[in-house]
């Protein structure tokens, strides 16, 4: 139910959280994320047809073994598209999410000494990013928790348990549908890529953090 005091308090906590993150990171880093993140999403929507064509052509060309004869090239263009109308929106959103995450790392690289300066401006840009996430990310999460009874009307003390239950149900359905649609070899490849990404992120966090601390000293 809307217009409840709890909803207003939760929204204030949400914006304060992002505002404090912005004040801590610095306004330049937050401005980079907000401006590039917002503009890039609009840009991806405008060129999604061209991106889908490039991915479909390049992907099918690689899957066909990089043919050079006319028959092989004809097979490439007649192959089923990797990015179709059914999953194009998902592809664009995934591409934008990867870009958004990279902007945080890029901002830390470019603006090394921005943190701590103009905290009030950073606070405002943090709130702006919170609004951006609310419009583009949170709207895709809300349906997970609004499919059945409203969580706000659940008995006190049971909301957290219901959130975990709905997340578990959602992940079970999605993972089951995902893994039944790909072969065993592709599952192994995906697992290897996932492990490499986790190791890469962990290595960057560990050694990048040590490097930045050494530079501060």
C-alpha atoms as a PDB file:
ATOM      1  CA  UNK A   1       0.000   0.000   0.000  1.00  0.00           C
ATOM      2  CA  UNK A   2       1.366   3.405  -0.990  1.00  0.00           C
ATOM      3  CA  UNK A   3       1.432   6.667   0.991  1.00  0.00           C
ATOM      4  CA  UNK A   4       2.377   4.941   4.209  1.00  0.00           C
ATOM      5  CA  UNK A   5       4.898   6.562   6.577  1.00  0.00           C
ATOM      6  CA  UNK A   6       7.024   3.419   6.306  1.00  0.00           C
ATOM      7  CA  UNK A   7       7.313   3.910   2.544  1.00  0.00           C
ATOM      8  CA  UNK A   8       8.510   7.502   2.983  1.00  0.00           C
ATOM      9  CA  UNK A   9      11.041   6.478   5.630  1.00  0.00           C
ATOM     10  CA  UNK A  10      12.315   3.627   3.434  1.00  0.00           C
ATOM     11  CA  UNK A  11      12.714   6.009   0.482  1.00  0.00           C
ATOM     12  CA  UNK A  12      14.623   8.508   2.627  1.00  0.00           C
ATOM     13  CA  UNK A  13      16.921   5.735   3.857  1.00  0.00           C
ATOM     14  CA  UNK A  14      17.461   4.599   0.253  1.00  0.00           C
ATOM     15  CA  UNK A  15      18.426   8.084  -0.971  1.00  0.00           C
ATOM     16  CA  UNK A  16      20.540   8.779   2.120  1.00  0.00           C
ATOM     17  CA  UNK A  17      22.443   5.542   1.531  1.00  0.00           C
ATOM     18  CA  UNK A  18      23.309   6.465  -2.055  1.00  0.00           C
ATOM     19  CA  UNK A  19      24.019  10.042  -1.027  1.00  0.00           C
ATOM     20  CA  UNK A  20      26.553   8.922   1.567  1.00  0.00           C
ATOM     21  CA  UNK A  21      28.209   6.677  -1.012  1.00  0.00           C
ATOM     22  CA  UNK A  22      28.452   9.657  -3.362  1.00  0.00           C
ATOM     23  CA  UNK A  23      29.901  11.889  -0.655  1.00  0.00           C
ATOM     24  CA  UNK A  24      32.496   9.258   0.180  1.00  0.00           C
ATOM     25  CA  UNK A  25      33.498   8.452  -3.424  1.00  0.00           C
ATOM     26  CA  UNK A  26      33.572  12.046  -4.665  1.00  0.00           C
ATOM     27  CA  UNK A  27      31.358  14.044  -7.003  1.00  0.00           C
ATOM     28  CA  UNK A  28      33.451  13.526 -10.135  1.00  0.00           C
ATOM     29  CA  UNK A  29      33.268   9.746  -9.889  1.00  0.00           C
ATOM     30  CA  UNK A  30      29.542   9.836  -9.209  1.00  0.00           C
ATOM     31  CA  UNK A  31      28.960  12.329 -12.034  1.00  0.00           C
ATOM     32  CA  UNK A  32      30.839  10.048 -14.448  1.00  0.00           C
ATOM     33  CA  UNK A  33      28.632   7.106 -13.493  1.00  0.00           C
ATOM     34  CA  UNK A  34      25.412   9.108 -13.723  1.00  0.00           C
ATOM     35  CA  UNK A  35      26.048  10.957 -16.989  1.00  0.00           C
ATOM     36  CA  UNK A  36      27.705   8.127 -18.919  1.00  0.00           C
ATOM     37  CA  UNK A  37      25.338   5.536 -17.452  1.00  0.00           C
ATOM     38  CA  UNK A  38      22.224   7.495 -18.398  1.00  0.00           C
ATOM     39  CA  UNK A  39      23.415   8.556 -21.858  1.00  0.00           C
ATOM     40  CA  UNK A  40      24.791   5.108 -22.688  1.00  0.00           C
ATOM     41  CA  UNK A  41      21.478   3.435 -21.884  1.00  0.00           C
ATOM     42  CA  UNK A  42      19.626   5.779 -24.231  1.00  0.00           C
ATOM     43  CA  UNK A  43      22.309   5.272 -26.857  1.00  0.00           C
ATOM     44  CA  UNK A  44      22.130   1.490 -26.609  1.00  0.00           C
ATOM     45  CA  UNK A  45      18.382   1.651 -27.127  1.00  0.00           C
ATOM     46  CA  UNK A  46      18.908   3.675 -30.297  1.00  0.00           C
ATOM     47  CA  UNK A  47      21.473   1.303 -31.836  1.00  0.00           C
ATOM     48  CA  UNK A  48      20.155  -1.994 -30.480  1.00  0.00           C
ATOM     49  CA  UNK A  49      19.236  -3.196 -33.969  1.00  0.00           C
ATOM     50  CA  UNK A  50      22.763  -2.610 -35.281  1.00  0.00           C
ATOM     51  CA  UNK A  51      24.325  -4.218 -32.206  1.00  0.00           C
ATOM     52  CA  UNK A  52      22.108  -7.274 -32.591  1.00  0.00           C
ATOM     53  CA  UNK A  53      23.114  -7.564 -36.256  1.00  0.00           C
ATOM     54  CA  UNK A  54      26.829  -7.367 -35.396  1.00  0.00           C
ATOM     55  CA  UNK A  55      26.523  -9.959 -32.617  1.00  0.00           C
ATOM     56  CA  UNK A  56      24.440 -12.297 -34.750  1.00  0.00           C
ATOM     57  CA  UNK A  57      26.722 -12.025 -37.754  1.00  0.00           C
ATOM     58  CA  UNK A  58      29.975 -12.263 -35.809  1.00  0.00           C
ATOM     59  CA  UNK A  59      28.705 -14.979 -33.483  1.00  0.00           C
ATOM     60  CA  UNK A  60      27.327 -17.188 -36.231  1.00  0.00           C
ATOM     61  CA  UNK A  61      30.478 -16.623 -38.276  1.00  0.00           C
ATOM     62  CA  UNK A  62      32.618 -17.842 -35.364  1.00  0.00           C
ATOM     63  CA  UNK A  63      30.291 -20.766 -34.605  1.00  0.00           C
ATOM     64  CA  UNK A  64      30.494 -21.830 -38.256  1.00  0.00           C
ATOM     65  CA  UNK A  65      34.285 -21.997 -38.018  1.00  0.00           C
ATOM     66  CA  UNK A  66      35.075 -18.748 -39.875  1.00  0.00           C
ATOM     67  CA  UNK A  67      34.153 -19.965 -43.375  1.00  0.00           C
ATOM     68  CA  UNK A  68      35.530 -18.163 -46.420  1.00  0.00           C
ATOM     69  CA  UNK A  69      33.627 -19.871 -49.245  1.00  0.00           C
ATOM     70  CA  UNK A  70      30.284 -18.678 -50.557  1.00  0.00           C
ATOM     71  CA  UNK A  71      28.347 -21.651 -49.230  1.00  0.00           C
ATOM     72  CA  UNK A  72      29.775 -21.227 -45.752  1.00  0.00           C
ATOM     73  CA  UNK A  73      28.985 -17.510 -45.689  1.00  0.00           C
ATOM     74  CA  UNK A  74      25.453 -18.238 -46.838  1.00  0.00           C
ATOM     75  CA  UNK A  75      25.090 -20.654 -43.937  1.00  0.00           C
ATOM     76  CA  UNK A  76      26.166 -17.895 -41.553  1.00  0.00           C
ATOM     77  CA  UNK A  77      23.451 -15.501 -42.698  1.00  0.00           C
ATOM     78  CA  UNK A  78      20.800 -18.231 -42.719  1.00  0.00           C
ATOM     79  CA  UNK A  79      21.606 -19.431 -39.187  1.00  0.00           C
ATOM     80  CA  UNK A  80      19.153 -18.642 -36.357  1.00  0.00           C
ATOM     81  CA  UNK A  81      19.965 -15.307 -34.705  1.00  0.00           C
ATOM     82  CA  UNK A  82      21.742 -15.315 -31.367  1.00  0.00           C
ATOM     83  CA  UNK A  83      20.060 -12.043 -30.386  1.00  0.00           C
ATOM     84  CA  UNK A  84      16.416 -12.139 -31.439  1.00  0.00           C
ATOM     85  CA  UNK A  85      13.444  -9.958 -30.685  1.00  0.00           C
ATOM     86  CA  UNK A  86      12.679 -12.073 -27.622  1.00  0.00           C
ATOM     87  CA  UNK A  87      16.008 -11.532 -25.869  1.00  0.00           C
ATOM     88  CA  UNK A  88      17.177  -8.241 -27.369  1.00  0.00           C
ATOM     89  CA  UNK A  89      16.026  -6.192 -24.378  1.00  0.00           C
ATOM     90  CA  UNK A  90      17.861  -8.563 -22.035  1.00  0.00           C
ATOM     91  CA  UNK A  91      21.011  -8.268 -24.145  1.00  0.00           C
ATOM     92  CA  UNK A  92      20.891  -4.453 -24.073  1.00  0.00           C
ATOM     93  CA  UNK A  93      20.303  -4.381 -20.324  1.00  0.00           C
ATOM     94  CA  UNK A  94      23.160  -6.833 -19.692  1.00  0.00           C
ATOM     95  CA  UNK A  95      25.496  -4.787 -21.879  1.00  0.00           C
ATOM     96  CA  UNK A  96      24.514  -1.631 -20.021  1.00  0.00           C
ATOM     97  CA  UNK A  97      24.990  -3.312 -16.614  1.00  0.00           C
ATOM     98  CA  UNK A  98      28.523  -4.381 -17.562  1.00  0.00           C
ATOM     99  CA  UNK A  99      29.267  -0.837 -18.711  1.00  0.00           C
ATOM    100  CA  UNK A 100      27.870   0.555 -15.463  1.00  0.00           C
ATOM    101  CA  UNK A 101      30.102  -1.668 -13.336  1.00  0.00           C
ATOM    102  CA  UNK A 102      33.157  -0.748 -15.428  1.00  0.00           C
ATOM    103  CA  UNK A 103      32.406   2.952 -14.864  1.00  0.00           C
ATOM    104  CA  UNK A 104      32.992   2.517 -11.137  1.00  0.00           C
ATOM    105  CA  UNK A 105      36.429   1.014 -11.740  1.00  0.00           C
ATOM    106  CA  UNK A 106      37.182   3.607 -14.428  1.00  0.00           C
ATOM    107  CA  UNK A 107      36.192   6.469 -12.135  1.00  0.00           C
ATOM    108  CA  UNK A 108      38.538   5.197  -9.431  1.00  0.00           C
ATOM    109  CA  UNK A 109      41.341   5.124 -11.982  1.00  0.00           C
ATOM    110  CA  UNK A 110      40.725   8.586 -13.447  1.00  0.00           C
ATOM    111  CA  UNK A 111      39.811  10.569 -10.335  1.00  0.00           C
ATOM    112  CA  UNK A 112      42.194   9.209  -7.729  1.00  0.00           C
ATOM    113  CA  UNK A 113      42.158  12.259  -5.454  1.00  0.00           C
ATOM    114  CA  UNK A 114      38.506  13.239  -5.771  1.00  0.00           C
ATOM    115  CA  UNK A 115      37.251  11.541  -2.604  1.00  0.00           C
ATOM    116  CA  UNK A 116      36.627  13.939   0.264  1.00  0.00           C
ATOM    117  CA  UNK A 117      36.218  17.036  -1.899  1.00  0.00           C
ATOM    118  CA  UNK A 118      32.880  18.815  -2.282  1.00  0.00           C
ATOM    119  CA  UNK A 119      31.015  16.179  -0.302  1.00  0.00           C
ATOM    120  CA  UNK A 120      27.693  17.998  -0.651  1.00  0.00           C
ATOM    121  CA  UNK A 121      27.906  17.810  -4.456  1.00  0.00           C
ATOM    122  CA  UNK A 122      28.920  14.169  -4.223  1.00  0.00           C
ATOM    123  CA  UNK A 123      25.931  13.552  -1.966  1.00  0.00           C
ATOM    124  CA  UNK A 124      23.584  15.020  -4.595  1.00  0.00           C
ATOM    125  CA  UNK A 125      25.126  12.996  -7.422  1.00  0.00           C
ATOM    126  CA  UNK A 126      24.841   9.905  -5.234  1.00  0.00           C
ATOM    127  CA  UNK A 127      21.110  10.550  -4.901  1.00  0.00           C
ATOM    128  CA  UNK A 128      20.912  11.048  -8.677  1.00  0.00           C
ATOM    129  CA  UNK A 129      22.495   7.630  -9.180  1.00  0.00           C
ATOM    130  CA  UNK A 130      20.021   6.197  -6.704  1.00  0.00           C
ATOM    131  CA  UNK A 131      17.173   7.558  -8.829  1.00  0.00           C
ATOM    132  CA  UNK A 132      18.823   6.121 -11.951  1.00  0.00           C
ATOM    133  CA  UNK A 133      19.048   2.677 -10.374  1.00  0.00           C
ATOM    134  CA  UNK A 134      15.516   2.971  -9.076  1.00  0.00           C
ATOM    135  CA  UNK A 135      14.187   3.613 -12.586  1.00  0.00           C
ATOM    136  CA  UNK A 136      16.289   1.096 -14.513  1.00  0.00           C
ATOM    137  CA  UNK A 137      17.221  -1.648 -12.045  1.00  0.00           C
ATOM    138  CA  UNK A 138      14.729  -1.653  -9.186  1.00  0.00           C
ATOM    139  CA  UNK A 139      11.767  -1.713 -11.582  1.00  0.00           C
ATOM    140  CA  UNK A 140      13.065  -5.053 -12.856  1.00  0.00           C
ATOM    141  CA  UNK A 141      13.403  -6.421  -9.311  1.00  0.00           C
ATOM    142  CA  UNK A 142      10.012  -5.342  -7.969  1.00  0.00           C
ATOM    143  CA  UNK A 143       8.010  -7.981  -9.930  1.00  0.00           C
ATOM    144  CA  UNK A 144       9.857 -10.721  -8.039  1.00  0.00           C
ATOM    145  CA  UNK A 145       8.313  -9.554  -4.779  1.00  0.00           C
ATOM    146  CA  UNK A 146       4.907  -8.380  -6.005  1.00  0.00           C
ATOM    147  CA  UNK A 147       3.732 -11.542  -7.743  1.00  0.00           C
ATOM    148  CA  UNK A 148       1.801 -12.767  -4.723  1.00  0.00           C
ATOM    149  CA  UNK A 149       0.768 -11.053  -1.515  1.00  0.00           C
ATOM    150  CA  UNK A 150       2.289  -7.672  -0.736  1.00  0.00           C
ATOM    151  CA  UNK A 151       5.345  -7.953   1.494  1.00  0.00           C
ATOM    152  CA  UNK A 152       4.373  -4.768   3.314  1.00  0.00           C
ATOM    153  CA  UNK A 153       1.226  -6.510   4.544  1.00  0.00           C
ATOM    154  CA  UNK A 154       3.082  -9.592   5.813  1.00  0.00           C
ATOM    155  CA  UNK A 155       3.166 -10.214   9.580  1.00  0.00           C
ATOM    156  CA  UNK A 156       5.887  -8.229  11.363  1.00  0.00           C
ATOM    157  CA  UNK A 157       9.200 -10.057  11.480  1.00  0.00           C
ATOM    158  CA  UNK A 158       8.433 -12.316   8.504  1.00  0.00           C
ATOM    159  CA  UNK A 159       9.301  -9.957   5.637  1.00  0.00           C
ATOM    160  CA  UNK A 160      12.984 -10.964   5.522  1.00  0.00           C
ATOM    161  CA  UNK A 161      12.123 -14.656   5.418  1.00  0.00           C
ATOM    162  CA  UNK A 162       9.611 -14.081   2.632  1.00  0.00           C
ATOM    163  CA  UNK A 163      12.169 -12.063   0.662  1.00  0.00           C
ATOM    164  CA  UNK A 164      14.648 -14.943   0.847  1.00  0.00           C
ATOM    165  CA  UNK A 165      11.934 -17.433  -0.087  1.00  0.00           C
ATOM    166  CA  UNK A 166      10.878 -15.470  -3.151  1.00  0.00           C
ATOM    167  CA  UNK A 167      14.480 -14.932  -4.211  1.00  0.00           C
ATOM    168  CA  UNK A 168      15.133 -18.650  -3.870  1.00  0.00           C
ATOM    169  CA  UNK A 169      12.043 -19.552  -5.891  1.00  0.00           C
ATOM    170  CA  UNK A 170      12.925 -17.035  -8.571  1.00  0.00           C
ATOM    171  CA  UNK A 171      16.544 -18.222  -8.870  1.00  0.00           C
ATOM    172  CA  UNK A 172      15.484 -21.876  -8.963  1.00  0.00           C
ATOM    173  CA  UNK A 173      13.089 -21.234 -11.857  1.00  0.00           C
ATOM    174  CA  UNK A 174      15.560 -19.086 -13.792  1.00  0.00           C
ATOM    175  CA  UNK A 175      18.541 -21.395 -13.343  1.00  0.00           C
ATOM    176  CA  UNK A 176      16.526 -24.479 -14.221  1.00  0.00           C
ATOM    177  CA  UNK A 177      15.260 -22.835 -17.399  1.00  0.00           C
ATOM    178  CA  UNK A 178      18.735 -21.566 -18.264  1.00  0.00           C
ATOM    179  CA  UNK A 179      20.658 -24.807 -17.802  1.00  0.00           C
ATOM    180  CA  UNK A 180      18.055 -26.935 -19.563  1.00  0.00           C
ATOM    181  CA  UNK A 181      18.501 -24.765 -22.640  1.00  0.00           C
ATOM    182  CA  UNK A 182      22.253 -25.263 -23.083  1.00  0.00           C
ATOM    183  CA  UNK A 183      24.385 -28.332 -23.601  1.00  0.00           C
ATOM    184  CA  UNK A 184      26.692 -29.898 -21.027  1.00  0.00           C
ATOM    185  CA  UNK A 185      29.816 -28.620 -22.792  1.00  0.00           C
ATOM    186  CA  UNK A 186      28.429 -25.083 -22.807  1.00  0.00           C
ATOM    187  CA  UNK A 187      27.646 -25.407 -19.109  1.00  0.00           C
ATOM    188  CA  UNK A 188      31.267 -26.318 -18.428  1.00  0.00           C
ATOM    189  CA  UNK A 189      32.489 -23.399 -20.520  1.00  0.00           C
ATOM    190  CA  UNK A 190      30.182 -21.034 -18.655  1.00  0.00           C
ATOM    191  CA  UNK A 191      31.403 -22.374 -15.324  1.00  0.00           C
ATOM    192  CA  UNK A 192      35.044 -21.831 -16.322  1.00  0.00           C
ATOM    193  CA  UNK A 193      34.353 -18.276 -17.502  1.00  0.00           C
ATOM    194  CA  UNK A 194      32.465 -17.526 -14.272  1.00  0.00           C
ATOM    195  CA  UNK A 195      35.332 -18.818 -12.144  1.00  0.00           C
ATOM    196  CA  UNK A 196      37.837 -16.741 -14.124  1.00  0.00           C
ATOM    197  CA  UNK A 197      35.701 -13.620 -13.663  1.00  0.00           C
ATOM    198  CA  UNK A 198      35.399 -14.215  -9.920  1.00  0.00           C
ATOM    199  CA  UNK A 199      39.166 -14.718  -9.621  1.00  0.00           C
ATOM    200  CA  UNK A 200      39.787 -11.576 -11.687  1.00  0.00           C
ATOM    201  CA  UNK A 201      37.474  -9.414  -9.600  1.00  0.00           C
ATOM    202  CA  UNK A 202      38.910 -10.785  -6.363  1.00  0.00           C
ATOM    203  CA  UNK A 203      42.479 -10.174  -7.589  1.00  0.00           C
ATOM    204  CA  UNK A 204      41.673  -6.623  -8.641  1.00  0.00           C
ATOM    205  CA  UNK A 205      40.022  -5.904  -5.290  1.00  0.00           C
ATOM    206  CA  UNK A 206      42.928  -7.363  -3.337  1.00  0.00           C
ATOM    207  CA  UNK A 207      45.948  -6.044  -5.219  1.00  0.00           C
ATOM    208  CA  UNK A 208      44.278  -2.836  -6.408  1.00  0.00           C
ATOM    209  CA  UNK A 209      43.356  -1.977  -2.834  1.00  0.00           C
ATOM    210  CA  UNK A 210      46.925  -2.595  -1.638  1.00  0.00           C
ATOM    211  CA  UNK A 211      48.321  -0.449  -4.436  1.00  0.00           C
ATOM    212  CA  UNK A 212      46.019   2.469  -3.633  1.00  0.00           C
ATOM    213  CA  UNK A 213      46.901   2.252   0.081  1.00  0.00           C
ATOM    214  CA  UNK A 214      50.607   2.260  -0.771  1.00  0.00           C
ATOM    215  CA  UNK A 215      50.157   5.367  -2.924  1.00  0.00           C
ATOM    216  CA  UNK A 216      48.326   7.159  -0.096  1.00  0.00           C
ATOM    217  CA  UNK A 217      51.221   6.421   2.268  1.00  0.00           C
END
